[in-house]
Amino acid sequence: TEACEEYRPVAHRATLMYFLIAEFATCDVMYQTSLGQFNQLYELAIDNADKAAMPAKRIANIIEHMTYSIYLYIQRGLFERHKLTF
């Protein structure tokens, strides 16, 4: 539907982030992230992103909040020597 298509950029960003994070496990096996764990972060980001009346603004808010919150979550578990890589 049209409403689903509007939110496709959110799904695209989430997909990109998940596979980048999953690929990071090649640096060290400690960095394995399950899809279930990522889905929880994704849903939490959607729930906590600022609300907006216009769908375009809401989508931008979700993408911004999701990117930052997932970055903070993953970054805090990295070894110091890998933080610059991430």
C-alpha atoms as a PDB file:
ATOM      1  CA  THR A   1       0.000   0.000   0.000  1.00  0.00           C
ATOM      2  CA  GLU A   2       0.963   3.632  -0.277  1.00  0.00           C
ATOM      3  CA  ALA A   3       1.525   4.050   3.462  1.00  0.00           C
ATOM      4  CA  CYS A   4       3.918   1.095   3.497  1.00  0.00           C
ATOM      5  CA  GLU A   5       5.851   2.529   0.575  1.00  0.00           C
ATOM      6  CA  GLU A   6       6.305   5.828   2.413  1.00  0.00           C
ATOM      7  CA  TYR A   7       8.166   4.033   5.201  1.00  0.00           C
ATOM      8  CA  ARG A   8      10.434   2.068   2.862  1.00  0.00           C
ATOM      9  CA  PRO A   9      13.417   4.394   3.601  1.00  0.00           C
ATOM     10  CA  VAL A  10      13.185   3.380   7.275  1.00  0.00           C
ATOM     11  CA  ALA A  11      13.289  -0.302   6.325  1.00  0.00           C
ATOM     12  CA  HIS A  12      16.153   0.337   3.911  1.00  0.00           C
ATOM     13  CA  ARG A  13      18.227   2.077   6.598  1.00  0.00           C
ATOM     14  CA  ALA A  14      17.483  -0.701   9.110  1.00  0.00           C
ATOM     15  CA  THR A  15      18.509  -3.364   6.596  1.00  0.00           C
ATOM     16  CA  LEU A  16      21.728  -1.554   5.784  1.00  0.00           C
ATOM     17  CA  MET A  17      22.571  -1.118   9.455  1.00  0.00           C
ATOM     18  CA  TYR A  18      21.838  -4.741  10.337  1.00  0.00           C
ATOM     19  CA  PHE A  19      24.066  -6.153   7.611  1.00  0.00           C
ATOM     20  CA  LEU A  20      26.881  -3.713   8.424  1.00  0.00           C
ATOM     21  CA  ILE A  21      26.685  -4.737  12.073  1.00  0.00           C
ATOM     22  CA  ALA A  22      26.513  -8.424  11.152  1.00  0.00           C
ATOM     23  CA  GLU A  23      29.576  -8.002   8.932  1.00  0.00           C
ATOM     24  CA  PHE A  24      31.464  -6.485  11.858  1.00  0.00           C
ATOM     25  CA  ALA A  25      31.613  -9.985  13.382  1.00  0.00           C
ATOM     26  CA  THR A  26      34.447 -10.688  10.928  1.00  0.00           C
ATOM     27  CA  CYS A  27      36.636  -8.411  13.102  1.00  0.00           C
ATOM     28  CA  ASP A  28      35.893 -10.469  16.188  1.00  0.00           C
ATOM     29  CA  VAL A  29      33.292 -13.158  16.912  1.00  0.00           C
ATOM     30  CA  MET A  30      32.303 -11.199  20.041  1.00  0.00           C
ATOM     31  CA  TYR A  31      30.422  -8.804  17.765  1.00  0.00           C
ATOM     32  CA  GLN A  32      27.745 -11.232  16.621  1.00  0.00           C
ATOM     33  CA  THR A  33      24.312  -9.593  16.765  1.00  0.00           C
ATOM     34  CA  SER A  34      21.176 -11.654  16.322  1.00  0.00           C
ATOM     35  CA  LEU A  35      18.309 -10.547  14.132  1.00  0.00           C
ATOM     36  CA  GLY A  36      16.000 -10.793  17.148  1.00  0.00           C
ATOM     37  CA  GLN A  37      18.196  -8.448  19.153  1.00  0.00           C
ATOM     38  CA  PHE A  38      18.347  -6.001  16.252  1.00  0.00           C
ATOM     39  CA  ASN A  39      14.564  -6.145  15.791  1.00  0.00           C
ATOM     40  CA  GLN A  40      14.107  -5.128  19.420  1.00  0.00           C
ATOM     41  CA  LEU A  41      16.388  -2.121  18.886  1.00  0.00           C
ATOM     42  CA  TYR A  42      14.532  -1.276  15.669  1.00  0.00           C
ATOM     43  CA  GLU A  43      11.096  -1.378  17.305  1.00  0.00           C
ATOM     44  CA  LEU A  44      12.317   0.610  20.293  1.00  0.00           C
ATOM     45  CA  ALA A  45      13.733   3.280  17.982  1.00  0.00           C
ATOM     46  CA  ILE A  46      10.402   3.569  16.161  1.00  0.00           C
ATOM     47  CA  ASP A  47       8.523   3.879  19.441  1.00  0.00           C
ATOM     48  CA  ASN A  48      10.926   6.467  20.886  1.00  0.00           C
ATOM     49  CA  ALA A  49      11.442   8.650  17.805  1.00  0.00           C
ATOM     50  CA  ASP A  50       9.805  12.076  17.896  1.00  0.00           C
ATOM     51  CA  LYS A  51       6.264  12.063  16.567  1.00  0.00           C
ATOM     52  CA  ALA A  52       5.332  14.329  13.648  1.00  0.00           C
ATOM     53  CA  ALA A  53       2.136  15.136  11.787  1.00  0.00           C
ATOM     54  CA  MET A  54       3.764  14.956   8.366  1.00  0.00           C
ATOM     55  CA  PRO A  55       4.874  11.451   7.307  1.00  0.00           C
ATOM     56  CA  ALA A  56       8.087  12.750   5.723  1.00  0.00           C
ATOM     57  CA  LYS A  57       9.150  14.384   8.988  1.00  0.00           C
ATOM     58  CA  ARG A  58       8.169  11.293  10.987  1.00  0.00           C
ATOM     59  CA  ILE A  59      10.258   9.119   8.674  1.00  0.00           C
ATOM     60  CA  ALA A  60      13.251  11.443   9.051  1.00  0.00           C
ATOM     61  CA  ASN A  61      12.827  11.386  12.843  1.00  0.00           C
ATOM     62  CA  ILE A  62      12.720   7.583  12.903  1.00  0.00           C
ATOM     63  CA  ILE A  63      15.800   7.246  10.698  1.00  0.00           C
ATOM     64  CA  GLU A  64      17.769   9.759  12.744  1.00  0.00           C
ATOM     65  CA  HIS A  65      16.788   8.255  16.098  1.00  0.00           C
ATOM     66  CA  MET A  66      17.285   4.673  14.918  1.00  0.00           C
ATOM     67  CA  THR A  67      20.725   5.373  13.472  1.00  0.00           C
ATOM     68  CA  TYR A  68      21.945   7.149  16.583  1.00  0.00           C
ATOM     69  CA  SER A  69      20.444   4.780  19.166  1.00  0.00           C
ATOM     70  CA  ILE A  70      21.699   1.646  17.409  1.00  0.00           C
ATOM     71  CA  TYR A  71      25.124   3.234  16.945  1.00  0.00           C
ATOM     72  CA  LEU A  72      25.317   3.975  20.690  1.00  0.00           C
ATOM     73  CA  TYR A  73      24.157   0.460  21.573  1.00  0.00           C
ATOM     74  CA  ILE A  74      26.712  -1.272  19.352  1.00  0.00           C
ATOM     75  CA  GLN A  75      29.556   1.154  20.068  1.00  0.00           C
ATOM     76  CA  ARG A  76      29.426   0.615  23.807  1.00  0.00           C
ATOM     77  CA  GLY A  77      30.242  -3.089  23.375  1.00  0.00           C
ATOM     78  CA  LEU A  78      33.281  -2.602  21.143  1.00  0.00           C
ATOM     79  CA  PHE A  79      36.885  -3.102  22.126  1.00  0.00           C
ATOM     80  CA  GLU A  80      38.831   0.170  22.134  1.00  0.00           C
ATOM     81  CA  ARG A  81      40.957  -0.938  19.192  1.00  0.00           C
ATOM     82  CA  HIS A  82      37.827  -1.451  17.038  1.00  0.00           C
ATOM     83  CA  LYS A  83      35.960   1.764  17.886  1.00  0.00           C
ATOM     84  CA  LEU A  84      37.618   3.759  15.111  1.00  0.00           C
ATOM     85  CA  THR A  85      36.762   1.029  12.616  1.00  0.00           C
ATOM     86  CA  PHE A  86      33.091   1.207  13.552  1.00  0.00           C
END
